[in-house]
PDB file of N, CA and C in Angstrom:
ATOM      1  N   MET A   1      77.312  76.424  76.410  1.00  0.00           N
ATOM      2  CA  MET A   1      78.923  77.150  77.543  1.00  0.00           C
ATOM      3  C   MET A   1      78.465  78.423  77.650  1.00  0.00           C
ATOM      4  N   TYR A   2      78.509  78.410  78.853  1.00  0.00           N
ATOM      5  CA  TYR A   2      78.182  79.859  79.431  1.00  0.00           C
ATOM      6  C   TYR A   2      79.805  80.169  79.803  1.00  0.00           C
ATOM      7  N   GLU A   3      80.224  81.517  79.247  1.00  0.00           N
ATOM      8  CA  GLU A   3      81.488  82.450  79.139  1.00  0.00           C
ATOM      9  C   GLU A   3      81.465  83.284  79.692  1.00  0.00           C
ATOM     10  N   LYS A   4      81.820  83.883  80.957  1.00  0.00           N
ATOM     11  CA  LYS A   4      82.210  85.189  81.383  1.00  0.00           C
ATOM     12  C   LYS A   4      82.975  86.142  80.567  1.00  0.00           C
ATOM     13  N   GLU A   5      82.433  87.041  80.397  1.00  0.00           N
ATOM     14  CA  GLU A   5      83.492  88.050  79.812  1.00  0.00           C
ATOM     15  C   GLU A   5      84.029  88.594  80.812  1.00  0.00           C
ATOM     16  N   LYS A   6      85.634  88.575  80.702  1.00  0.00           N
ATOM     17  CA  LYS A   6      86.316  89.443  81.476  1.00  0.00           C
ATOM     18  C   LYS A   6      87.384  90.510  81.407  1.00  0.00           C
ATOM     19  N   GLU A   7      86.960  91.550  81.798  1.00  0.00           N
ATOM     20  CA  GLU A   7      87.550  93.195  81.951  1.00  0.00           C
ATOM     21  C   GLU A   7      89.140  92.921  81.821  1.00  0.00           C
ATOM     22  N   ALA A   8      89.637  93.227  80.723  1.00  0.00           N
ATOM     23  CA  ALA A   8      91.162  93.506  81.007  1.00  0.00           C
ATOM     24  C   ALA A   8      91.840  94.522  82.022  1.00  0.00           C
ATOM     25  N   HIS A   9      92.486  94.075  83.263  1.00  0.00           N
ATOM     26  CA  HIS A   9      92.990  94.898  84.043  1.00  0.00           C
ATOM     27  C   HIS A   9      94.436  95.607  83.527  1.00  0.00           C
ATOM     28  N   ILE A  10      94.584  96.513  82.907  1.00  0.00           N
ATOM     29  CA  ILE A  10      96.027  97.206  82.500  1.00  0.00           C
ATOM     30  C   ILE A  10      96.186  97.672  84.341  1.00  0.00           C
ATOM     31  N   MET A  11      97.871  97.351  84.259  1.00  0.00           N
ATOM     32  CA  MET A  11      98.373  97.605  85.744  1.00  0.00           C
ATOM     33  C   MET A  11      99.173  99.018  85.394  1.00  0.00           C
ATOM     34  N   PRO A  12      98.497  99.819  86.234  1.00  0.00           N
ATOM     35  CA  PRO A  12      99.176 101.244  86.482  1.00  0.00           C
ATOM     36  C   PRO A  12     100.611 101.504  86.519  1.00  0.00           C
ATOM     37  N   MET A  13     101.036 102.497  85.956  1.00  0.00           N
ATOM     38  CA  MET A  13     102.251 103.071  85.887  1.00  0.00           C
ATOM     39  C   MET A  13     103.039 103.549  87.256  1.00  0.00           C
ATOM     40  N   LEU A  14     104.024 103.166  87.952  1.00  0.00           N
ATOM     41  CA  LEU A  14     104.273 103.497  89.021  1.00  0.00           C
ATOM     42  C   LEU A  14     105.572 104.307  89.246  1.00  0.00           C
ATOM     43  N   ARG A  15     105.549 105.321  89.923  1.00  0.00           N
ATOM     44  CA  ARG A  15     106.817 106.185  90.580  1.00  0.00           C
ATOM     45  C   ARG A  15     106.620 106.283  91.692  1.00  0.00           C
ATOM     46  N   CYS A  16     107.830 106.232  92.577  1.00  0.00           N
ATOM     47  CA  CYS A  16     107.723 105.849  93.587  1.00  0.00           C
ATOM     48  C   CYS A  16     109.559 106.827  94.502  1.00  0.00           C
ATOM     49  N   SER A  17     108.721 107.569  95.002  1.00  0.00           N
ATOM     50  CA  SER A  17     110.191 108.759  95.640  1.00  0.00           C
ATOM     51  C   SER A  17     111.003 107.975  97.039  1.00  0.00           C
ATOM     52  N   ALA A  18     110.143 107.171  97.233  1.00  0.00           N
ATOM     53  CA  ALA A  18     110.517 106.415  98.765  1.00  0.00           C
ATOM     54  C   ALA A  18     111.807 105.939  98.580  1.00  0.00           C
ATOM     55  N   THR A  19     112.869 106.576  97.840  1.00  0.00           N
ATOM     56  CA  THR A  19     114.428 105.859  97.633  1.00  0.00           C
ATOM     57  C   THR A  19     114.937 105.381  98.728  1.00  0.00           C
ATOM     58  N   THR A  20     114.297 105.614 100.289  1.00  0.00           N
ATOM     59  CA  THR A  20     115.002 104.654 100.939  1.00  0.00           C
ATOM     60  C   THR A  20     114.618 103.187 101.151  1.00  0.00           C
ATOM     61  N   CYS A  21     113.196 103.022 100.261  1.00  0.00           N
ATOM     62  CA  CYS A  21     112.488 101.274 100.348  1.00  0.00           C
ATOM     63  C   CYS A  21     113.345 100.667  99.754  1.00  0.00           C
ATOM     64  N   LEU A  22     113.401  99.105 100.562  1.00  0.00           N
ATOM     65  CA  LEU A  22     114.572  98.199  99.759  1.00  0.00           C
ATOM     66  C   LEU A  22     113.915  97.879  98.783  1.00  0.00           C
ATOM     67  N   TYR A  23     112.525  97.709  98.213  1.00  0.00           N
ATOM     68  CA  TYR A  23     112.051  97.599  96.652  1.00  0.00           C
ATOM     69  C   TYR A  23     112.135  98.610  95.723  1.00  0.00           C
ATOM     70  N   ASN A  24     112.625 100.053  96.265  1.00  0.00           N
ATOM     71  CA  ASN A  24     112.804 101.026  95.183  1.00  0.00           C
ATOM     72  C   ASN A  24     113.977 100.939  94.729  1.00  0.00           C
ATOM     73  N   LYS A  25     114.270 100.939  93.190  1.00  0.00           N
ATOM     74  CA  LYS A  25     114.952 100.798  92.106  1.00  0.00           C
ATOM     75  C   LYS A  25     114.723 102.007  91.115  1.00  0.00           C
ATOM     76  N   GLU A  26     115.623 102.986  91.420  1.00  0.00           N
ATOM     77  CA  GLU A  26     115.402 104.024  90.341  1.00  0.00           C
ATOM     78  C   GLU A  26     114.015 104.532  90.239  1.00  0.00           C
ATOM     79  N   GLU A  27     113.140 104.589  91.384  1.00  0.00           N
ATOM     80  CA  GLU A  27     112.232 105.404  91.275  1.00  0.00           C
ATOM     81  C   GLU A  27     111.147 104.369  90.667  1.00  0.00           C
ATOM     82  N   TYR A  28     111.081 102.755  90.787  1.00  0.00           N
ATOM     83  CA  TYR A  28     110.263 102.038  90.452  1.00  0.00           C
ATOM     84  C   TYR A  28     110.188 100.811  91.372  1.00  0.00           C
ATOM     85  N   CYS A  29     109.636  99.924  91.688  1.00  0.00           N
ATOM     86  CA  CYS A  29     109.391  98.867  92.396  1.00  0.00           C
ATOM     87  C   CYS A  29     109.702  98.049  92.076  1.00  0.00           C
ATOM     88  N   SER A  30     110.476  96.843  92.947  1.00  0.00           N
ATOM     89  CA  SER A  30     110.744  95.578  92.101  1.00  0.00           C
ATOM     90  C   SER A  30     110.139  94.428  93.248  1.00  0.00           C
ATOM     91  N   LYS A  31     109.439  95.227  94.018  1.00  0.00           N
ATOM     92  CA  LYS A  31     108.348  94.101  94.463  1.00  0.00           C
ATOM     93  C   LYS A  31     107.481  93.223  93.780  1.00  0.00           C
ATOM     94  N   GLY A  32     106.908  93.485  93.137  1.00  0.00           N
ATOM     95  CA  GLY A  32     105.720  92.774  92.132  1.00  0.00           C
ATOM     96  C   GLY A  32     104.288  93.458  92.163  1.00  0.00           C
ATOM     97  N   ASP A  33     104.087  93.549  93.430  1.00  0.00           N
ATOM     98  CA  ASP A  33     102.713  94.625  93.779  1.00  0.00           C
ATOM     99  C   ASP A  33     102.786  95.162  95.098  1.00  0.00           C
ATOM    100  N   ILE A  34     102.252  96.101  95.348  1.00  0.00           N
ATOM    101  CA  ILE A  34     102.220  96.614  96.345  1.00  0.00           C
ATOM    102  C   ILE A  34     100.801  96.970  97.056  1.00  0.00           C
ATOM    103  N   MET A  35     100.702  97.417  98.263  1.00  0.00           N
ATOM    104  CA  MET A  35      99.134  97.595  99.356  1.00  0.00           C
ATOM    105  C   MET A  35      99.056  98.806  99.862  1.00  0.00           C
ATOM    106  N   ILE A  36      98.409  99.831  99.403  1.00  0.00           N
ATOM    107  CA  ILE A  36      97.991 100.658  99.495  1.00  0.00           C
ATOM    108  C   ILE A  36      97.098 100.969 100.552  1.00  0.00           C
ATOM    109  N   SER A  37      97.686 101.407 101.781  1.00  0.00           N
ATOM    110  CA  SER A  37      96.524 101.301 102.979  1.00  0.00           C
ATOM    111  C   SER A  37      95.948 103.135 103.408  1.00  0.00           C
ATOM    112  N   GLY A  38      94.736 102.946 104.004  1.00  0.00           N
ATOM    113  CA  GLY A  38      93.967 104.314 103.880  1.00  0.00           C
ATOM    114  C   GLY A  38      92.410 103.918 104.125  1.00  0.00           C
ATOM    115  N   GLU A  39      92.027 103.048 104.960  1.00  0.00           N
ATOM    116  CA  GLU A  39      90.484 102.255 104.607  1.00  0.00           C
ATOM    117  C   GLU A  39      89.820 103.708 104.689  1.00  0.00           C
ATOM    118  N   GLN A  40      89.764 104.804 106.087  1.00  0.00           N
ATOM    119  CA  GLN A  40      88.573 105.404 105.879  1.00  0.00           C
ATOM    120  C   GLN A  40      89.511 106.849 105.258  1.00  0.00           C
ATOM    121  N   ALA A  41      90.613 107.005 104.426  1.00  0.00           N
ATOM    122  CA  ALA A  41      90.828 108.237 103.644  1.00  0.00           C
ATOM    123  C   ALA A  41      90.030 109.026 103.220  1.00  0.00           C
ATOM    124  N   LYS A  42      90.440 110.255 103.487  1.00  0.00           N
ATOM    125  CA  LYS A  42      89.648 111.283 102.681  1.00  0.00           C
ATOM    126  C   LYS A  42      90.300 112.343 101.861  1.00  0.00           C
ATOM    127  N   TYR A  43      91.979 112.444 102.428  1.00  0.00           N
ATOM    128  CA  TYR A  43      92.860 112.879 101.922  1.00  0.00           C
ATOM    129  C   TYR A  43      94.120 111.975 101.561  1.00  0.00           C
ATOM    130  N   ALA A  44      95.167 112.264 100.410  1.00  0.00           N
ATOM    131  CA  ALA A  44      95.819 111.376 100.215  1.00  0.00           C
ATOM    132  C   ALA A  44      97.365 111.336 101.153  1.00  0.00           C
ATOM    133  N   ASP A  45      97.008 112.406 102.330  1.00  0.00           N
ATOM    134  CA  ASP A  45      97.914 112.361 103.331  1.00  0.00           C
ATOM    135  C   ASP A  45      97.843 110.942 104.651  1.00  0.00           C
ATOM    136  N   GLU A  46      96.387 110.614 104.334  1.00  0.00           N
ATOM    137  CA  GLU A  46      95.981 109.381 105.251  1.00  0.00           C
ATOM    138  C   GLU A  46      96.054 108.154 104.712  1.00  0.00           C
ATOM    139  N   THR A  47      96.748 107.972 103.475  1.00  0.00           N
ATOM    140  CA  THR A  47      97.266 106.507 103.003  1.00  0.00           C
ATOM    141  C   THR A  47      98.816 106.718 102.932  1.00  0.00           C
ATOM    142  N   ASN A  48      98.925 105.235 102.954  1.00  0.00           N
ATOM    143  CA  ASN A  48     100.530 105.048 102.834  1.00  0.00           C
ATOM    144  C   ASN A  48     100.673 103.598 102.120  1.00  0.00           C
ATOM    145  N   CYS A  49     102.002 103.442 101.495  1.00  0.00           N
ATOM    146  CA  CYS A  49     102.576 102.515 100.746  1.00  0.00           C
ATOM    147  C   CYS A  49     102.692 101.135 102.033  1.00  0.00           C
ATOM    148  N   ALA A  50     101.830 100.627 102.228  1.00  0.00           N
ATOM    149  CA  ALA A  50     101.976  99.321 103.592  1.00  0.00           C
ATOM    150  C   ALA A  50     103.199  98.388 103.570  1.00  0.00           C
ATOM    151  N   SER A  51     103.284  97.975 102.165  1.00  0.00           N
ATOM    152  CA  SER A  51     104.611  97.497 101.425  1.00  0.00           C
ATOM    153  C   SER A  51     105.864  97.876 101.795  1.00  0.00           C
ATOM    154  N   PHE A  52     106.092  99.243 101.752  1.00  0.00           N
ATOM    155  CA  PHE A  52     107.284  99.972 102.170  1.00  0.00           C
ATOM    156  C   PHE A  52     108.218  99.123 103.296  1.00  0.00           C
ATOM    157  N   VAL A  53     109.578  98.893 103.089  1.00  0.00           N
ATOM    158  CA  VAL A  53     110.281  98.674 104.137  1.00  0.00           C
ATOM    159  C   VAL A  53     111.593  99.155 104.172  1.00  0.00           C
ATOM    160  N   GLU A  54     111.801  99.721 105.237  1.00  0.00           N
ATOM    161  CA  GLU A  54     113.474 100.714 104.964  1.00  0.00           C
ATOM    162  C   GLU A  54     114.430  99.931 104.529  1.00  0.00           C
ATOM    163  N   ARG A  55     115.224 100.408 103.873  1.00  0.00           N
ATOM    164  CA  ARG A  55     116.558  99.835 103.089  1.00  0.00           C
ATOM    165  C   ARG A  55     117.805 100.013 104.404  1.00  0.00           C
ATOM    166  N   LYS A  56     118.220  99.388 105.434  1.00  0.00           N
ATOM    167  CA  LYS A  56     118.849  99.594 105.955  1.00  0.00           C
ATOM    168  C   LYS A  56     120.365  99.773 106.113  1.00  0.00           C
ATOM    169  N   ASP A  57     121.197 100.221 106.536  1.00  0.00           N
ATOM    170  CA  ASP A  57     122.587 100.677 106.297  1.00  0.00           C
ATOM    171  C   ASP A  57     122.970  99.240 105.975  1.00  0.00           C
ATOM    172  N   GLY A  58     123.732  98.465 105.099  1.00  0.00           N
ATOM    173  CA  GLY A  58     124.833  97.386 104.522  1.00  0.00           C
ATOM    174  C   GLY A  58     123.864  96.429 103.951  1.00  0.00           C
ATOM    175  N   SER A  59     122.290  96.823 104.163  1.00  0.00           N
ATOM    176  CA  SER A  59     121.521  95.580 103.393  1.00  0.00           C
ATOM    177  C   SER A  59     121.517  95.784 101.555  1.00  0.00           C
ATOM    178  N   ALA A  60     121.764  94.693 101.406  1.00  0.00           N
ATOM    179  CA  ALA A  60     121.543  94.660  99.553  1.00  0.00           C
ATOM    180  C   ALA A  60     120.476  95.055  99.212  1.00  0.00           C
ATOM    181  N   VAL A  61     120.623  95.605  98.168  1.00  0.00           N
ATOM    182  CA  VAL A  61     119.125  96.065  97.137  1.00  0.00           C
ATOM    183  C   VAL A  61     118.483  94.790  96.775  1.00  0.00           C
ATOM    184  N   ASN A  62     117.066  94.842  96.792  1.00  0.00           N
ATOM    185  CA  ASN A  62     116.854  93.674  96.123  1.00  0.00           C
ATOM    186  C   ASN A  62     117.118  93.294  94.940  1.00  0.00           C
ATOM    187  N   SER A  63     117.969  92.023  94.875  1.00  0.00           N
ATOM    188  CA  SER A  63     118.302  91.772  93.671  1.00  0.00           C
ATOM    189  C   SER A  63     117.639  90.706  93.028  1.00  0.00           C
ATOM    190  N   THR A  64     116.188  90.261  93.313  1.00  0.00           N
ATOM    191  CA  THR A  64     115.417  89.428  93.222  1.00  0.00           C
ATOM    192  C   THR A  64     115.053  89.850  91.338  1.00  0.00           C
ATOM    193  N   GLY A  65     114.487  90.814  90.804  1.00  0.00           N
ATOM    194  CA  GLY A  65     114.208  91.311  89.752  1.00  0.00           C
ATOM    195  C   GLY A  65     114.533  93.530  89.992  1.00  0.00           C
ATOM    196  N   CYS A  66     113.851  93.473  88.463  1.00  0.00           N
ATOM    197  CA  CYS A  66     114.161  94.937  88.452  1.00  0.00           C
ATOM    198  C   CYS A  66     112.858  95.691  88.806  1.00  0.00           C
ATOM    199  N   GLY A  67     113.316  96.809  88.985  1.00  0.00           N
ATOM    200  CA  GLY A  67     112.620  97.857  89.180  1.00  0.00           C
ATOM    201  C   GLY A  67     111.208  97.621  87.878  1.00  0.00           C
ATOM    202  N   CYS A  68     109.986  98.110  88.120  1.00  0.00           N
ATOM    203  CA  CYS A  68     109.181  97.143  87.334  1.00  0.00           C
ATOM    204  C   CYS A  68     108.083  99.109  87.276  1.00  0.00           C
ATOM    205  N   GLU A  69     108.216  99.362  85.928  1.00  0.00           N
ATOM    206  CA  GLU A  69     107.289 100.386  85.808  1.00  0.00           C
ATOM    207  C   GLU A  69     105.305 100.661  86.102  1.00  0.00           C
ATOM    208  N   ARG A  70     105.493  99.266  85.729  1.00  0.00           N
ATOM    209  CA  ARG A  70     103.860  98.861  85.461  1.00  0.00           C
ATOM    210  C   ARG A  70     103.732  97.661  87.096  1.00  0.00           C
ATOM    211  N   ILE A  71     103.068  97.788  87.996  1.00  0.00           N
ATOM    212  CA  ILE A  71     102.359  97.052  88.694  1.00  0.00           C
ATOM    213  C   ILE A  71     101.367  96.872  89.704  1.00  0.00           C
ATOM    214  N   ASN A  72     101.147  95.809  89.845  1.00  0.00           N
ATOM    215  CA  ASN A  72      99.626  95.690  90.639  1.00  0.00           C
ATOM    216  C   ASN A  72      99.963  96.297  91.536  1.00  0.00           C
ATOM    217  N   ILE A  73      98.646  96.660  91.857  1.00  0.00           N
ATOM    218  CA  ILE A  73      98.567  97.659  93.318  1.00  0.00           C
ATOM    219  C   ILE A  73      96.867  97.595  94.004  1.00  0.00           C
ATOM    220  N   GLN A  74      97.085  97.070  95.011  1.00  0.00           N
ATOM    221  CA  GLN A  74      96.175  96.087  95.754  1.00  0.00           C
ATOM    222  C   GLN A  74      95.959  97.728  96.290  1.00  0.00           C
ATOM    223  N   CYS A  75      94.530  98.167  96.700  1.00  0.00           N
ATOM    224  CA  CYS A  75      94.483  99.321  97.358  1.00  0.00           C
ATOM    225  C   CYS A  75      93.149  99.343  98.427  1.00  0.00           C
ATOM    226  N   GLN A  76      93.439  99.858  99.513  1.00  0.00           N
ATOM    227  CA  GLN A  76      92.377  99.675 100.990  1.00  0.00           C
ATOM    228  C   GLN A  76      91.708 100.970 101.151  1.00  0.00           C
ATOM    229  N   ALA A  77      92.541 102.084 100.394  1.00  0.00           N
ATOM    230  CA  ALA A  77      91.433 103.026 100.516  1.00  0.00           C
ATOM    231  C   ALA A  77      90.223 103.215  99.855  1.00  0.00           C
ATOM    232  N   HIS A  78      89.259 103.114 100.336  1.00  0.00           N
ATOM    233  CA  HIS A  78      88.307 102.692  99.426  1.00  0.00           C
ATOM    234  C   HIS A  78      87.339 103.545  99.104  1.00  0.00           C
ATOM    235  N   ASP A  79      87.287 104.984  99.677  1.00  0.00           N
ATOM    236  CA  ASP A  79      86.680 106.213  99.140  1.00  0.00           C
ATOM    237  C   ASP A  79      87.743 106.860  97.237  1.00  0.00           C
ATOM    238  N   CYS A  80      88.604 106.000  97.516  1.00  0.00           N
ATOM    239  CA  CYS A  80      89.523 106.529  96.124  1.00  0.00           C
ATOM    240  C   CYS A  80      89.009 106.282  95.140  1.00  0.00           C
ATOM    241  N   VAL A  81      88.819 107.392  94.318  1.00  0.00           N
ATOM    242  CA  VAL A  81      87.796 107.661  93.147  1.00  0.00           C
ATOM    243  C   VAL A  81      88.652 106.160  92.334  1.00  0.00           C
ATOM    244  N   TYR A  82      89.823 105.987  92.086  1.00  0.00           N
ATOM    245  CA  TYR A  82      90.718 104.971  91.549  1.00  0.00           C
ATOM    246  C   TYR A  82      90.372 103.432  92.062  1.00  0.00           C
ATOM    247  N   ASN A  83      89.976 103.193  92.951  1.00  0.00           N
ATOM    248  CA  ASN A  83      90.077 101.931  93.835  1.00  0.00           C
ATOM    249  C   ASN A  83      88.473 101.573  93.245  1.00  0.00           C
ATOM    250  N   THR A  84      88.738  99.970  92.531  1.00  0.00           N
ATOM    251  CA  THR A  84      87.593  99.557  92.090  1.00  0.00           C
ATOM    252  C   THR A  84      87.398  97.797  92.538  1.00  0.00           C
ATOM    253  N   ASN A  85      87.130  97.143  93.635  1.00  0.00           N
ATOM    254  CA  ASN A  85      87.084  96.433  94.296  1.00  0.00           C
ATOM    255  C   ASN A  85      88.573  96.220  94.642  1.00  0.00           C
ATOM    256  N   GLU A  86      89.119  97.210  95.252  1.00  0.00           N
ATOM    257  CA  GLU A  86      90.470  97.103  95.985  1.00  0.00           C
ATOM    258  C   GLU A  86      91.255  96.721  94.973  1.00  0.00           C
ATOM    259  N   LYS A  87      91.657  97.162  93.758  1.00  0.00           N
ATOM    260  CA  LYS A  87      92.443  97.427  93.011  1.00  0.00           C
ATOM    261  C   LYS A  87      92.050  98.700  92.251  1.00  0.00           C
ATOM    262  N   CYS A  88      93.814  99.173  91.885  1.00  0.00           N
ATOM    263  CA  CYS A  88      94.139 100.372  91.512  1.00  0.00           C
ATOM    264  C   CYS A  88      93.579 100.528  90.469  1.00  0.00           C
ATOM    265  N   GLU A  89      92.849 101.306  90.176  1.00  0.00           N
ATOM    266  CA  GLU A  89      92.771 101.606  88.409  1.00  0.00           C
ATOM    267  C   GLU A  89      93.277 102.752  87.681  1.00  0.00           C
ATOM    268  N   ALA A  90      94.108 103.461  88.553  1.00  0.00           N
ATOM    269  CA  ALA A  90      94.736 104.854  87.542  1.00  0.00           C
ATOM    270  C   ALA A  90      95.668 104.738  86.454  1.00  0.00           C
ATOM    271  N   ALA A  91      96.030 105.192  85.706  1.00  0.00           N
ATOM    272  CA  ALA A  91      96.500 105.331  84.626  1.00  0.00           C
ATOM    273  C   ALA A  91      97.945 105.126  85.480  1.00  0.00           C
ATOM    274  N   GLN A  92      98.169 106.248  86.124  1.00  0.00           N
ATOM    275  CA  GLN A  92      99.528 106.398  86.897  1.00  0.00           C
ATOM    276  C   GLN A  92      99.625 106.707  88.208  1.00  0.00           C
ATOM    277  N   VAL A  93      99.867 105.942  88.916  1.00  0.00           N
ATOM    278  CA  VAL A  93     100.296 106.529  90.480  1.00  0.00           C
ATOM    279  C   VAL A  93     101.635 106.814  90.928  1.00  0.00           C
ATOM    280  N   ASN A  94     101.350 107.841  91.720  1.00  0.00           N
ATOM    281  CA  ASN A  94     102.680 108.282  92.529  1.00  0.00           C
ATOM    282  C   ASN A  94     102.833 107.734  93.463  1.00  0.00           C
ATOM    283  N   ILE A  95     103.775 107.162  94.204  1.00  0.00           N
ATOM    284  CA  ILE A  95     103.784 106.990  95.498  1.00  0.00           C
ATOM    285  C   ILE A  95     105.185 108.399  96.090  1.00  0.00           C
ATOM    286  N   ALA A  96     104.385 109.037  97.361  1.00  0.00           N
ATOM    287  CA  ALA A  96     105.578 110.057  97.848  1.00  0.00           C
ATOM    288  C   ALA A  96     106.013 109.602  99.049  1.00  0.00           C
ATOM    289  N   GLY A  97     107.132 109.761  99.310  1.00  0.00           N
ATOM    290  CA  GLY A  97     108.233 109.234 100.692  1.00  0.00           C
ATOM    291  C   GLY A  97     109.382 109.568 100.668  1.00  0.00           C
ATOM    292  N   THR A  98     109.629 111.156 100.229  1.00  0.00           N
ATOM    293  CA  THR A  98     111.346 111.028 100.098  1.00  0.00           C
ATOM    294  C   THR A  98     111.791 110.761 101.764  1.00  0.00           C
ATOM    295  N   GLY A  99     112.854 110.362 101.992  1.00  0.00           N
ATOM    296  CA  GLY A  99     113.353 110.108 103.278  1.00  0.00           C
ATOM    297  C   GLY A  99     112.560 109.380 103.898  1.00  0.00           C
ATOM    298  N   ALA A 100     111.842 108.600 103.735  1.00  0.00           N
ATOM    299  CA  ALA A 100     110.539 107.699 104.392  1.00  0.00           C
ATOM    300  C   ALA A 100     111.517 106.733 105.398  1.00  0.00           C
ATOM    301  N   CYS A 101     110.684 106.575 106.408  1.00  0.00           N
ATOM    302  CA  CYS A 101     111.620 105.680 107.271  1.00  0.00           C
ATOM    303  C   CYS A 101     110.891 104.555 107.839  1.00  0.00           C
ATOM    304  N   VAL A 102     109.367 105.049 107.853  1.00  0.00           N
ATOM    305  CA  VAL A 102     108.426 103.555 108.109  1.00  0.00           C
ATOM    306  C   VAL A 102     107.307 104.523 107.036  1.00  0.00           C
ATOM    307  N   CYS A 103     106.435 103.093 106.853  1.00  0.00           N
ATOM    308  CA  CYS A 103     105.376 103.001 105.976  1.00  0.00           C
ATOM    309  C   CYS A 103     104.561 104.511 105.927  1.00  0.00           C
ATOM    310  N   GLN A 104     104.077 104.776 107.259  1.00  0.00           N
ATOM    311  CA  GLN A 104     103.528 105.918 107.724  1.00  0.00           C
ATOM    312  C   GLN A 104     104.226 107.278 107.139  1.00  0.00           C
ATOM    313  N   ASP A 105     105.457 107.127 106.616  1.00  0.00           N
ATOM    314  CA  ASP A 105     105.918 108.424 106.221  1.00  0.00           C
ATOM    315  C   ASP A 105     105.959 108.721 104.702  1.00  0.00           C
ATOM    316  N   THR A 106     105.092 107.204 104.118  1.00  0.00           N
ATOM    317  CA  THR A 106     104.799 107.493 102.556  1.00  0.00           C
ATOM    318  C   THR A 106     103.387 107.680 102.140  1.00  0.00           C
ATOM    319  N   LYS A 107     102.788 108.436 101.341  1.00  0.00           N
ATOM    320  CA  LYS A 107     101.621 108.106 100.669  1.00  0.00           C
ATOM    321  C   LYS A 107     101.286 108.498  99.386  1.00  0.00           C
ATOM    322  N   CYS A 108      99.770 107.906  99.024  1.00  0.00           N
ATOM    323  CA  CYS A 108      99.518 107.927  97.791  1.00  0.00           C
ATOM    324  C   CYS A 108      99.427 109.140  96.832  1.00  0.00           C
ATOM    325  N   GLY A 109     100.140 109.561  96.409  1.00  0.00           N
ATOM    326  CA  GLY A 109     100.097 110.909  95.752  1.00  0.00           C
ATOM    327  C   GLY A 109      98.759 110.966  94.287  1.00  0.00           C
ATOM    328  N   THR A 110      98.247 109.928  94.204  1.00  0.00           N
ATOM    329  CA  THR A 110      97.104 110.145  93.123  1.00  0.00           C
ATOM    330  C   THR A 110      95.858 110.018  93.960  1.00  0.00           C
ATOM    331  N   PHE A 111      95.982 109.457  95.503  1.00  0.00           N
ATOM    332  CA  PHE A 111      94.717 108.976  96.019  1.00  0.00           C
ATOM    333  C   PHE A 111      93.651 110.765  95.748  1.00  0.00           C
ATOM    334  N   GLU A 112      92.451 110.252  95.311  1.00  0.00           N
ATOM    335  CA  GLU A 112      91.431 111.101  95.258  1.00  0.00           C
ATOM    336  C   GLU A 112      90.108 111.127  95.809  1.00  0.00           C
ATOM    337  N   CYS A 113      89.660 111.505  96.652  1.00  0.00           N
ATOM    338  CA  CYS A 113      88.647 111.163  97.165  1.00  0.00           C
ATOM    339  C   CYS A 113      87.051 111.235  96.611  1.00  0.00           C
ATOM    340  N   CYS A 114      86.453 110.015  96.691  1.00  0.00           N
ATOM    341  CA  CYS A 114      85.180 110.560  95.327  1.00  0.00           C
ATOM    342  C   CYS A 114      83.796 110.992  96.378  1.00  0.00           C
ATOM    343  N   HIS A 115      84.237 111.705  97.670  1.00  0.00           N
ATOM    344  CA  HIS A 115      83.141 112.378  98.590  1.00  0.00           C
ATOM    345  C   HIS A 115      83.443 113.977  98.285  1.00  0.00           C
TER     346      HIS A 115
END
């Protein structure tokens, strides 16, 4: 019987300063997984959290779960040293976005270009 060995993927620790995001709970994320955009990024400023959703006045904080310290991060920033098959392999990820209103106001502060 052929058995393929699978390498265990350890999810990165996430800290997020985009406290205006619907999913942000005390700088953790309650969404469960996020997507980082920036297919042609060479700098962190050319990335963003595509999963960002602005928390509008009067909207309830997402109560479907607690903020998670470890989270699955899909990554479209192909030139990032931590991107392996569109999964983030960094030990810790910092999403910057203080005062963000749209996803373009956020960025992956952990992004490092491999070129």
